[in-house]
Protein backbone atom coordinates (compact mmCIF):
# COMPACT_ATOMS: atom_id res chain seq x y z
CA MET A 1 1.73 -79.43 31.90
CA ASP A 2 -1.47 -79.41 33.90
CA ASP A 3 -2.38 -76.91 36.61
CA ALA A 4 -1.60 -79.27 39.51
CA GLU A 5 1.98 -79.73 38.37
CA SER A 6 2.56 -76.07 37.70
CA SER A 7 1.22 -75.03 41.07
CA THR A 8 3.53 -77.41 42.95
CA GLY A 9 6.60 -76.39 40.91
CA GLN A 10 7.89 -79.97 40.69
CA ASP A 11 8.93 -79.74 37.01
CA ARG A 12 10.45 -76.27 37.17
CA ALA A 13 13.97 -75.22 37.91
CA PRO A 14 14.11 -73.12 41.10
CA ASP A 15 14.73 -69.84 39.27
CA SER A 16 12.55 -70.46 36.19
CA GLY A 17 9.88 -68.17 37.63
CA MET A 18 12.37 -65.33 37.73
CA GLU A 19 13.21 -65.89 34.06
CA GLU A 20 9.52 -65.73 33.09
CA ASN A 21 9.03 -62.57 35.16
CA TYR A 22 12.08 -60.97 33.56
CA LEU A 23 10.89 -61.83 30.06
CA THR A 24 7.41 -60.47 30.67
CA GLU A 25 8.86 -57.23 32.04
CA CYS A 26 11.31 -56.87 29.13
CA PRO A 27 9.74 -58.13 25.86
CA SER A 28 12.80 -57.15 23.77
CA CYS A 29 14.95 -59.36 26.02
CA ALA A 30 12.96 -62.45 24.99
CA GLY A 31 14.32 -62.16 21.44
CA GLU A 32 17.82 -61.61 22.75
CA LEU A 33 17.53 -64.67 25.01
CA GLU A 34 16.37 -66.83 22.10
CA GLU A 35 19.25 -65.54 20.01
CA GLN A 36 21.71 -66.37 22.81
CA LYS A 37 20.21 -69.88 23.16
CA ARG A 38 20.51 -70.39 19.40
CA ALA A 39 24.14 -69.15 19.44
CA TYR A 40 24.91 -71.45 22.38
CA ALA A 41 23.37 -74.44 20.60
CA GLU A 42 25.39 -73.65 17.47
CA LEU A 43 28.64 -73.32 19.44
CA HIS A 44 27.90 -76.50 21.37
CA ASP A 45 27.28 -78.36 18.11
CA ARG A 46 30.55 -77.00 16.66
CA PHE A 47 32.38 -78.08 19.82
CA LEU A 48 31.00 -81.62 19.60
CA ARG A 49 31.94 -81.87 15.92
CA LEU A 50 35.43 -80.52 16.62
CA ALA A 51 35.90 -83.01 19.47
CA ALA A 52 34.79 -85.86 17.17
CA ASP A 53 37.10 -84.63 14.39
CA PHE A 54 40.01 -84.47 16.83
CA GLU A 55 39.33 -88.01 18.08
CA ASN A 56 39.23 -89.27 14.48
CA PHE A 57 42.49 -87.42 13.74
CA ARG A 58 44.15 -88.96 16.80
CA LYS A 59 43.06 -92.49 15.81
CA ARG A 60 44.18 -91.94 12.20
CA SER A 61 47.57 -90.64 13.39
CA VAL A 62 48.08 -93.73 15.56
CA ARG A 63 47.21 -96.02 12.62
CA GLU A 64 49.55 -94.12 10.27
CA LYS A 65 52.38 -94.31 12.80
CA GLU A 66 51.87 -98.08 13.18
CA ILE A 67 51.94 -98.49 9.39
CA PHE A 68 55.09 -96.36 9.11
CA VAL A 69 56.89 -98.39 11.80
CA SER A 70 55.77 -101.63 10.19
CA LEU A 71 57.09 -100.56 6.78
CA ALA A 72 60.41 -99.42 8.28
CA ASN A 73 60.79 -102.74 10.08
CA GLU A 74 59.95 -104.61 6.88
CA ARG A 75 62.59 -102.71 4.91
CA PHE A 76 65.21 -103.38 7.57
CA ALA A 77 64.24 -107.08 7.71
CA VAL A 78 64.67 -107.41 3.93
CA ASP A 79 68.16 -105.89 4.22
CA ILE A 80 69.14 -108.27 7.02
CA LEU A 81 67.72 -111.30 5.18
CA GLU A 82 70.08 -110.54 2.30
CA VAL A 83 72.99 -110.73 4.75
CA LEU A 84 71.63 -114.01 6.14
CA ASP A 85 71.48 -115.44 2.61
CA ASN A 86 75.15 -114.57 2.17
CA PHE A 87 76.05 -116.30 5.44
CA GLU A 88 74.33 -119.44 4.19
CA ARG A 89 76.31 -119.27 0.94
CA ALA A 90 79.56 -118.78 2.87
CA ILE A 91 78.85 -121.84 5.02
CA LYS A 92 78.33 -123.95 1.90
CA SER A 93 81.58 -122.73 0.29
CA ASP A 94 84.95 -124.39 0.63
CA ASP A 95 87.31 -123.35 3.43
CA THR A 96 89.70 -121.44 1.16
CA HIS A 97 87.11 -118.77 0.35
CA LEU A 98 85.32 -118.76 3.71
CA ARG A 99 87.36 -115.94 5.31
CA GLU A 100 87.01 -113.73 2.24
CA GLY A 101 83.26 -114.42 2.13
CA VAL A 102 82.81 -113.55 5.80
CA HIS A 103 84.64 -110.24 5.27
CA GLN A 104 82.37 -109.44 2.32
CA ILE A 105 79.33 -110.26 4.43
CA GLN A 106 80.58 -107.96 7.20
CA HIS A 107 80.99 -105.12 4.69
CA LEU A 108 77.51 -105.80 3.32
CA LEU A 109 76.03 -105.77 6.81
CA ASP A 110 77.84 -102.54 7.68
CA ALA A 111 76.45 -100.95 4.50
CA ARG A 112 72.90 -102.10 5.31
CA LEU A 113 73.17 -100.77 8.84
CA LEU A 114 74.49 -97.45 7.56
CA ARG A 115 71.61 -97.24 5.05
CA ASN A 116 69.22 -97.61 7.98
CA GLY A 117 70.93 -94.90 10.05
CA ILE A 118 72.96 -97.26 12.28
CA THR A 119 76.62 -96.28 12.60
CA PRO A 120 79.43 -97.68 14.77
CA VAL A 121 80.76 -95.67 17.70
CA ASP A 122 84.42 -94.76 17.13
CA ALA A 123 86.25 -95.79 20.30
CA LEU A 124 89.79 -97.08 19.76
CA LYS A 125 92.54 -94.60 20.81
CA LYS A 126 89.86 -92.09 21.88
CA GLN A 127 89.42 -90.59 25.32
CA PHE A 128 86.95 -92.67 27.38
CA ASN A 129 83.46 -91.16 27.17
CA PRO A 130 80.80 -92.67 29.46
CA ALA A 131 78.08 -91.39 27.11
CA GLU A 132 79.42 -93.74 24.37
CA HIS A 133 81.62 -96.32 26.09
CA GLU A 134 81.24 -98.94 28.81
CA ALA A 135 84.50 -99.76 30.55
CA ILE A 136 84.88 -103.50 31.14
CA ALA A 137 88.57 -103.40 32.11
CA HIS A 138 91.27 -100.98 33.25
CA ILE A 139 94.68 -102.07 32.01
CA PRO A 140 98.15 -100.57 32.52
CA SER A 141 99.61 -99.41 29.20
CA ASP A 142 101.87 -96.86 27.57
CA GLU A 143 98.80 -94.88 26.47
CA PRO A 144 97.70 -91.94 28.65
CA ALA A 145 95.22 -92.77 31.43
CA GLY A 146 91.60 -92.72 30.25
CA THR A 147 92.40 -93.70 26.65
CA VAL A 148 90.49 -96.60 25.10
CA ILE A 149 93.10 -99.24 24.22
CA ASP A 150 90.87 -102.16 23.17
CA VAL A 151 87.30 -102.64 21.95
CA ALA A 152 85.64 -105.90 23.02
CA ALA A 153 82.32 -105.07 21.32
CA ARG A 154 81.55 -102.16 19.02
CA GLY A 155 78.95 -99.66 20.09
CA TYR A 156 76.30 -98.34 17.71
CA ARG A 157 74.23 -95.22 17.17
CA LEU A 158 70.84 -94.98 15.53
CA ASN A 159 71.04 -91.54 13.94
CA ASP A 160 72.52 -89.53 16.85
CA LYS A 161 71.33 -91.70 19.73
CA VAL A 162 73.64 -94.35 21.19
CA ILE A 163 71.69 -97.63 21.09
CA ARG A 164 74.54 -99.81 22.33
CA PHE A 165 77.59 -98.67 24.25
CA ALA A 166 81.01 -99.82 23.07
CA LYS A 167 82.49 -102.30 25.56
CA VAL A 168 86.06 -101.15 25.98
CA ALA A 169 89.29 -101.61 27.92
CA VAL A 170 90.67 -98.32 29.24
CA SER A 171 94.28 -97.48 29.95
CA LYS A 172 95.35 -96.89 33.55
CA GLY A 173 98.49 -95.27 32.22
CA ASN A 174 102.02 -96.50 32.74
CA GLN A 175 102.22 -97.98 36.27
CA LYS A 176 106.00 -97.42 36.51
CA ASP A 177 105.55 -93.67 36.04
CA GLN A 178 102.93 -93.58 38.80
CA GLU A 179 105.14 -95.45 41.32
CA VAL A 180 108.03 -92.96 41.09
């Protein structure tokens, strides 16, 4: 820096003169300041590396999750394709064995669903539960009010989470008893 620039103070921070005065008054502080600057630079470098490592970890975790989901979907698809193959065989068979074949396919499908953590919701003759059942009809019957008396479509859970509610008819109770 030439003398003209230093005299105008254009390149200096506003308090840089104070720092120089302090360092000239306290020579032992100059070594301490350099040590602090070196420690700061080292910590800053460690921070940048840690931030880069974390970003790489995050990207790797996302990729691994996508691969895991893809493999799980592939396994489930292979199981379902086996059921589809059996449906095609049943369609080609003669009518006498068709019903038996369809029942076997249903059992195979139930087993494949169970293997993948999908279980049916037990509804028939149970007390209506809105967390598992969807009422599509209220019908008078001899069963106590609030009891599921018919299942129009089975509900299913994936592990412990209900993924499809059972569509059910619920008893209103015996109407004759209510009129008296």
